[in-house]
Amino acid sequence: MGEWRCIAELFDFGKGTLQSSKCTPGDFTFITAAEEWKTHNEFTHDCEALIFAMGASGSLGRTHYF
């Protein structure tokens, strides 16, 4: 059987700092937990991501893999 690992050993955690309602339309995908994504004029991460909404009332619990 596999070895149990702490989730913090497997993933890096981060909280977004820009509200989706305040993004500036652009060339980059603006990833949120919302059903429909928007675009933005800049990006901060260039990697795979698992997005899980923990504090958005309308999208609470929604998860996306990007």
Protein backbone atom coordinates (compact mmCIF):
# COMPACT_ATOMS: atom_id res chain seq x y z
CA MET A 1 0.00 0.00 0.00
CA GLY A 2 1.14 3.59 -0.66
CA GLU A 3 2.70 5.95 1.82
CA TRP A 4 0.52 8.71 3.33
CA ARG A 5 1.78 12.22 2.62
CA CYS A 6 0.72 15.60 3.92
CA ILE A 7 -1.07 17.58 1.19
CA ALA A 8 1.35 20.49 1.72
CA GLU A 9 4.18 18.17 0.61
CA LEU A 10 2.43 17.57 -2.72
CA PHE A 11 1.09 21.01 -3.63
CA ASP A 12 2.03 24.68 -3.39
CA PHE A 13 -0.85 26.79 -2.07
CA GLY A 14 -1.64 30.35 -3.03
CA LYS A 15 -4.53 32.74 -2.79
CA GLY A 16 -5.39 35.01 -5.68
CA THR A 17 -5.10 38.74 -5.14
CA LEU A 18 -7.18 40.11 -8.03
CA GLN A 19 -10.96 39.92 -8.06
CA SER A 20 -12.34 38.61 -11.34
CA SER A 21 -14.61 41.66 -11.53
CA LYS A 22 -11.49 43.88 -11.64
CA CYS A 23 -9.44 42.07 -14.30
CA THR A 24 -8.37 43.94 -17.45
CA PRO A 25 -9.31 42.00 -20.64
CA GLY A 26 -6.21 40.78 -22.48
CA ASP A 27 -4.39 37.82 -24.03
CA PHE A 28 -4.08 35.58 -20.97
CA THR A 29 -6.61 33.26 -19.38
CA PHE A 30 -7.86 34.61 -16.06
CA ILE A 31 -8.53 31.47 -14.06
CA THR A 32 -11.17 31.60 -11.38
CA ALA A 33 -13.52 29.12 -9.80
CA ALA A 34 -16.39 30.68 -11.77
CA GLU A 35 -18.12 28.65 -14.44
CA GLU A 36 -16.96 31.02 -17.21
CA TRP A 37 -13.39 32.30 -17.24
CA LYS A 38 -12.29 35.75 -18.35
CA THR A 39 -9.02 37.09 -19.77
CA HIS A 40 -6.44 39.47 -18.31
CA ASN A 41 -3.60 41.60 -19.69
CA GLU A 42 -0.86 39.93 -17.59
CA PHE A 43 -0.13 36.68 -15.75
CA THR A 44 1.70 35.60 -12.61
CA HIS A 45 1.88 31.79 -12.93
CA ASP A 46 2.98 29.59 -15.84
CA CYS A 47 2.25 26.08 -14.59
CA GLU A 48 -0.42 23.45 -14.05
CA ALA A 49 -2.95 24.41 -11.41
CA LEU A 50 -5.80 22.94 -9.41
CA ILE A 51 -8.19 25.77 -8.56
CA PHE A 52 -10.54 25.25 -5.62
CA ALA A 53 -12.95 27.94 -4.41
CA MET A 54 -12.82 28.27 -0.64
CA GLY A 55 -14.13 31.79 -0.13
CA ALA A 56 -16.38 32.65 -3.09
CA SER A 57 -20.01 32.25 -2.12
CA GLY A 58 -21.37 31.69 -5.64
CA SER A 59 -18.60 29.27 -6.63
CA LEU A 60 -17.86 27.71 -3.24
CA GLY A 61 -16.43 24.23 -3.67
CA ARG A 62 -16.08 24.43 -7.46
CA THR A 63 -12.80 22.99 -8.72
CA HIS A 64 -10.94 23.41 -12.04
CA TYR A 65 -7.75 21.81 -13.36
CA PHE A 66 -5.79 24.03 -15.72
